[in-house]
Amino acid sequence: MLTRRILVTTATTLPALVLAAQPGASQAAASVDVVRDWGFIPTLPLEPGRTSGETGDSPPRLGEISKGFGLLYNAPRGQPPLDVARYFQALPDKNQDGSAYNAEWPVKANPVIVGFFSMTNTTPSGGDQTSWCAAFVNFCLAASGREMTFSALSGSFRRYRTATETPREGDIVVFANTGPTGAQGFGHVAFFLSKDASGITVLGGNQGPTGKGAVTIAKFPYEGASLKWHSYRSVG
């Protein structure tokens, strides 16, 4: 169900922006918009033997970058993280190839998803190997002014704020891989919508049919073939 997408970028979060997103930051630093004021330099670091365009790592067109950044800048500010997530889920925009700006692209790197990684300490490179679910959650938290983990690893949310047994809509749901990589912090993270006896419904990034991750709603069993529920985390 989950896809793994590498997006080609060097994304730099300025120290002042990191300070502004942490508890106890100075008033001056807190006035900085951590989403609008990041540093961002597109690059194309290919692994030996690979050709640009093989797995969605070809650079986007300049117009697509401008459009993508505009969509990121227009994300709601100061609203609950779930509202930010819903903004991206509802985006109707597509590029001239018909690829949606809230989903992975088949050849080029979607600049919206690349932008999510700017709120983490990860520089993805080299192919379809890095999931972006945690980058998406961190971006939504940043836009809402909430505490972030600054990590593209879903396991970074296993200790996020406080655990809760009674999640509210918009809290964070953390899943762990069922295999050995689960102990290494790999899995999935998304925003809680509801639950019943058969599983948990979430809104998150890097969800969807195999081969095309998107910002969408999906339902996961408490324990499946590849993922198992780990915890609910309160966003406060």
Protein backbone atom coordinates (compact mmCIF):
# COMPACT_ATOMS: atom_id res chain seq x y z
CA MET A 1 0.00 0.00 0.00
CA LEU A 2 2.80 2.40 0.89
CA THR A 3 5.23 3.53 -1.78
CA ARG A 4 8.77 4.75 -1.37
CA ARG A 5 9.79 7.82 -3.32
CA ILE A 6 13.08 9.65 -3.41
CA LEU A 7 12.80 13.32 -4.26
CA VAL A 8 15.84 15.13 -5.57
CA THR A 9 16.83 18.12 -3.47
CA THR A 10 19.12 19.76 -1.01
CA ALA A 11 16.77 21.31 1.52
CA THR A 12 18.25 23.58 4.18
CA THR A 13 16.33 24.80 7.23
CA LEU A 14 18.01 27.92 8.64
CA PRO A 15 19.04 27.79 12.33
CA ALA A 16 16.67 30.65 13.18
CA LEU A 17 13.78 28.70 11.70
CA VAL A 18 14.65 25.64 13.74
CA LEU A 19 14.73 27.78 16.87
CA ALA A 20 11.38 29.31 16.03
CA ALA A 21 9.69 25.92 15.90
CA GLN A 22 11.00 24.73 19.26
CA PRO A 23 9.36 25.33 22.64
CA GLY A 24 10.79 28.33 24.44
CA ALA A 25 12.04 30.08 21.30
CA SER A 26 12.60 33.81 21.50
CA GLN A 27 9.81 36.16 20.42
CA ALA A 28 11.96 37.52 17.60
CA ALA A 29 12.68 34.07 16.20
CA ALA A 30 9.06 33.04 16.59
CA SER A 31 8.02 35.83 14.20
CA VAL A 32 9.75 33.99 11.34
CA ASP A 33 7.47 31.89 9.14
CA VAL A 34 9.13 28.48 9.16
CA VAL A 35 7.38 27.44 5.95
CA ARG A 36 7.82 30.53 3.80
CA ASP A 37 11.41 31.30 4.79
CA TRP A 38 13.32 28.07 4.25
CA GLY A 39 16.41 27.76 2.03
CA PHE A 40 15.99 25.42 -0.93
CA ILE A 41 18.44 24.35 -3.68
CA PRO A 42 17.33 21.69 -6.20
CA THR A 43 20.09 19.23 -7.15
CA LEU A 44 20.31 15.97 -9.04
CA PRO A 45 22.67 13.52 -7.24
CA LEU A 46 22.43 10.28 -9.19
CA GLU A 47 23.87 6.98 -8.06
CA PRO A 48 26.50 5.32 -10.32
CA GLY A 49 24.92 3.55 -13.28
CA ARG A 50 21.57 5.33 -13.05
CA THR A 51 20.10 7.66 -15.65
CA SER A 52 18.06 10.76 -14.90
CA GLY A 53 14.35 10.14 -15.28
CA GLU A 54 14.41 6.44 -14.40
CA THR A 55 12.49 6.66 -11.12
CA GLY A 56 10.94 10.07 -10.73
CA ASP A 57 14.14 11.97 -9.98
CA SER A 58 14.31 14.15 -13.10
CA PRO A 59 14.19 17.90 -12.28
CA PRO A 60 10.77 19.56 -12.60
CA ARG A 61 10.22 22.42 -15.05
CA LEU A 62 10.82 25.93 -13.75
CA GLY A 63 7.10 26.68 -14.02
CA GLU A 64 6.32 23.57 -11.99
CA ILE A 65 8.73 24.66 -9.27
CA SER A 66 7.10 28.09 -9.12
CA LYS A 67 3.64 26.53 -9.01
CA GLY A 68 4.65 24.00 -6.38
CA PHE A 69 6.18 26.62 -4.10
CA GLY A 70 3.07 28.75 -4.48
CA LEU A 71 0.94 25.84 -3.29
CA LEU A 72 3.25 25.32 -0.32
CA TYR A 73 3.24 29.01 0.60
CA ASN A 74 -0.56 29.12 0.47
CA ALA A 75 -0.95 26.32 3.01
CA PRO A 76 -3.01 27.45 6.05
CA ARG A 77 -1.06 29.07 8.88
CA GLY A 78 -1.88 28.82 12.56
CA GLN A 79 -4.64 26.27 11.96
CA PRO A 80 -4.73 22.69 13.31
CA PRO A 81 -2.28 20.38 11.49
CA LEU A 82 -5.19 18.32 10.15
CA ASP A 83 -6.52 21.42 8.37
CA VAL A 84 -3.15 21.82 6.66
CA ALA A 85 -3.23 18.15 5.65
CA ARG A 86 -6.74 18.55 4.25
CA TYR A 87 -5.59 21.54 2.21
CA PHE A 88 -3.03 19.35 0.43
CA GLN A 89 -5.47 16.46 0.06
CA ALA A 90 -7.97 18.73 -1.69
CA LEU A 91 -5.53 20.35 -4.12
CA PRO A 92 -7.02 20.10 -7.62
CA ASP A 93 -3.88 21.35 -9.37
CA LYS A 94 -2.04 19.27 -11.97
CA ASN A 95 0.98 19.93 -14.18
CA GLN A 96 0.80 19.92 -17.98
CA ASP A 97 1.40 16.16 -17.97
CA GLY A 98 -1.71 15.60 -15.86
CA SER A 99 0.23 14.72 -12.69
CA ALA A 100 -1.32 15.96 -9.44
CA TYR A 101 0.69 18.26 -7.18
CA ASN A 102 -0.39 16.25 -4.10
CA ALA A 103 1.00 12.94 -5.40
CA GLU A 104 4.21 11.40 -6.69
CA TRP A 105 5.11 12.01 -10.32
CA PRO A 106 6.23 9.17 -12.61
CA VAL A 107 9.41 10.82 -13.97
CA LYS A 108 10.05 14.24 -12.45
CA ALA A 109 10.35 15.14 -8.78
CA ASN A 110 7.18 16.81 -7.53
CA PRO A 111 8.34 20.14 -5.99
CA VAL A 112 5.51 20.08 -3.44
CA ILE A 113 6.74 16.79 -1.98
CA VAL A 114 10.32 18.02 -2.20
CA GLY A 115 9.20 21.01 -0.15
CA PHE A 116 7.91 18.74 2.62
CA PHE A 117 11.47 17.49 3.15
CA SER A 118 12.68 21.01 3.87
CA MET A 119 11.14 20.62 7.34
CA THR A 120 13.39 17.63 8.11
CA ASN A 121 17.09 16.97 8.53
CA THR A 122 17.05 14.59 5.54
CA THR A 123 18.55 15.19 2.09
CA PRO A 124 16.97 12.48 -0.07
CA SER A 125 18.90 11.25 -3.11
CA GLY A 126 19.32 8.32 -5.47
CA GLY A 127 16.03 6.60 -6.27
CA ASP A 128 12.71 5.36 -4.86
CA GLN A 129 14.02 4.61 -1.37
CA THR A 130 12.88 7.32 1.04
CA SER A 131 9.31 7.54 2.28
CA TRP A 132 7.85 11.02 2.74
CA CYS A 133 5.05 10.39 5.25
CA ALA A 134 7.02 11.89 8.16
CA ALA A 135 8.19 14.84 6.05
CA PHE A 136 4.54 15.58 5.26
CA VAL A 137 3.46 15.40 8.91
CA ASN A 138 6.36 17.66 9.94
CA PHE A 139 5.42 20.21 7.27
CA CYS A 140 1.81 20.29 8.50
CA LEU A 141 3.03 20.74 12.07
CA ALA A 142 5.36 23.56 11.01
CA ALA A 143 2.61 25.41 9.15
CA SER A 144 0.35 25.14 12.20
CA GLY A 145 3.06 26.37 14.57
CA ARG A 146 3.32 23.06 16.41
CA GLU A 147 6.42 21.24 17.64
CA MET A 148 8.16 19.12 14.98
CA THR A 149 10.58 16.18 15.04
CA PHE A 150 12.71 17.52 12.14
CA SER A 151 13.09 13.94 10.93
CA ALA A 152 11.92 12.08 7.81
CA LEU A 153 11.84 8.84 9.83
CA SER A 154 8.34 7.85 10.92
CA GLY A 155 9.80 6.36 14.11
CA SER A 156 10.77 9.84 15.26
CA PHE A 157 7.09 10.29 16.18
CA ARG A 158 7.05 7.29 18.53
CA ARG A 159 8.03 9.65 21.36
CA TYR A 160 6.33 12.78 20.04
CA ARG A 161 4.79 14.76 22.89
CA THR A 162 2.47 12.46 24.87
CA ALA A 163 0.81 9.15 24.05
CA THR A 164 -2.96 8.89 24.33
CA GLU A 165 -5.39 5.98 24.47
CA THR A 166 -8.29 8.17 23.33
CA PRO A 167 -7.13 9.90 20.16
CA ARG A 168 -9.00 12.91 18.83
CA GLU A 169 -9.42 13.74 15.18
CA GLY A 170 -6.14 15.31 14.05
CA ASP A 171 -3.89 13.51 16.52
CA ILE A 172 -0.98 11.53 15.12
CA VAL A 173 -1.03 7.79 14.47
CA VAL A 174 2.27 5.93 14.38
CA PHE A 175 2.73 2.52 12.76
CA ALA A 176 5.82 0.31 12.83
CA ASN A 177 7.01 -2.12 10.19
CA THR A 178 6.26 -5.70 11.18
CA GLY A 179 9.71 -6.93 10.09
CA PRO A 180 13.18 -6.26 11.54
CA THR A 181 13.20 -2.68 10.22
CA GLY A 182 10.37 -1.83 12.62
CA ALA A 183 12.84 -1.83 15.51
CA GLN A 184 14.99 0.62 13.52
CA GLY A 185 12.22 3.21 13.41
CA PHE A 186 10.71 2.42 10.02
CA GLY A 187 6.96 2.38 9.48
CA HIS A 188 4.33 5.00 8.73
CA VAL A 189 2.86 8.12 10.34
CA ALA A 190 -0.33 10.07 9.57
CA PHE A 191 -3.18 12.06 11.13
CA PHE A 192 -5.97 10.23 12.95
CA LEU A 193 -9.52 10.46 11.61
CA SER A 194 -11.39 7.52 13.16
CA LYS A 195 -11.13 3.90 14.22
CA ASP A 196 -13.32 0.82 14.51
CA ALA A 197 -12.85 -2.90 15.06
CA SER A 198 -11.26 -3.40 11.63
CA GLY A 199 -8.65 -0.68 11.74
CA ILE A 200 -7.66 2.99 11.79
CA THR A 201 -8.58 5.59 9.18
CA VAL A 202 -5.94 8.26 8.66
CA LEU A 203 -5.11 11.21 6.43
CA GLY A 204 -1.45 11.24 5.43
CA GLY A 205 1.20 11.49 2.78
CA ASN A 206 2.84 8.63 0.85
CA GLN A 207 -0.39 6.63 0.91
CA GLY A 208 -2.16 5.03 -2.01
CA PRO A 209 -1.89 2.28 -4.61
CA THR A 210 1.52 0.72 -5.20
CA GLY A 211 3.64 2.94 -7.40
CA LYS A 212 1.90 6.23 -6.63
CA GLY A 213 1.99 7.69 -3.15
CA ALA A 214 -0.30 10.66 -2.49
CA VAL A 215 -1.85 12.82 0.22
CA THR A 216 -5.02 10.88 0.75
CA ILE A 217 -7.26 9.07 3.22
CA ALA A 218 -6.53 5.39 3.86
CA LYS A 219 -7.51 2.73 6.36
CA PHE A 220 -4.94 0.44 7.97
CA PRO A 221 -5.54 -2.68 10.08
CA TYR A 222 -4.16 -2.67 13.61
CA GLU A 223 -1.72 -5.32 12.46
CA GLY A 224 -1.21 -6.18 8.80
CA ALA A 225 1.33 -7.93 6.64
CA SER A 226 3.72 -4.97 6.56
CA LEU A 227 2.58 -2.56 9.29
CA LYS A 228 1.26 -2.70 12.84
CA TRP A 229 -0.16 0.03 15.03
CA HIS A 230 2.35 1.51 17.48
CA SER A 231 0.73 4.46 19.28
CA TYR A 232 -1.45 7.53 19.15
CA ARG A 233 0.29 10.84 19.90
CA SER A 234 -1.49 13.99 21.01
CA VAL A 235 -0.73 17.11 18.95
CA GLY A 236 -1.78 19.31 21.88
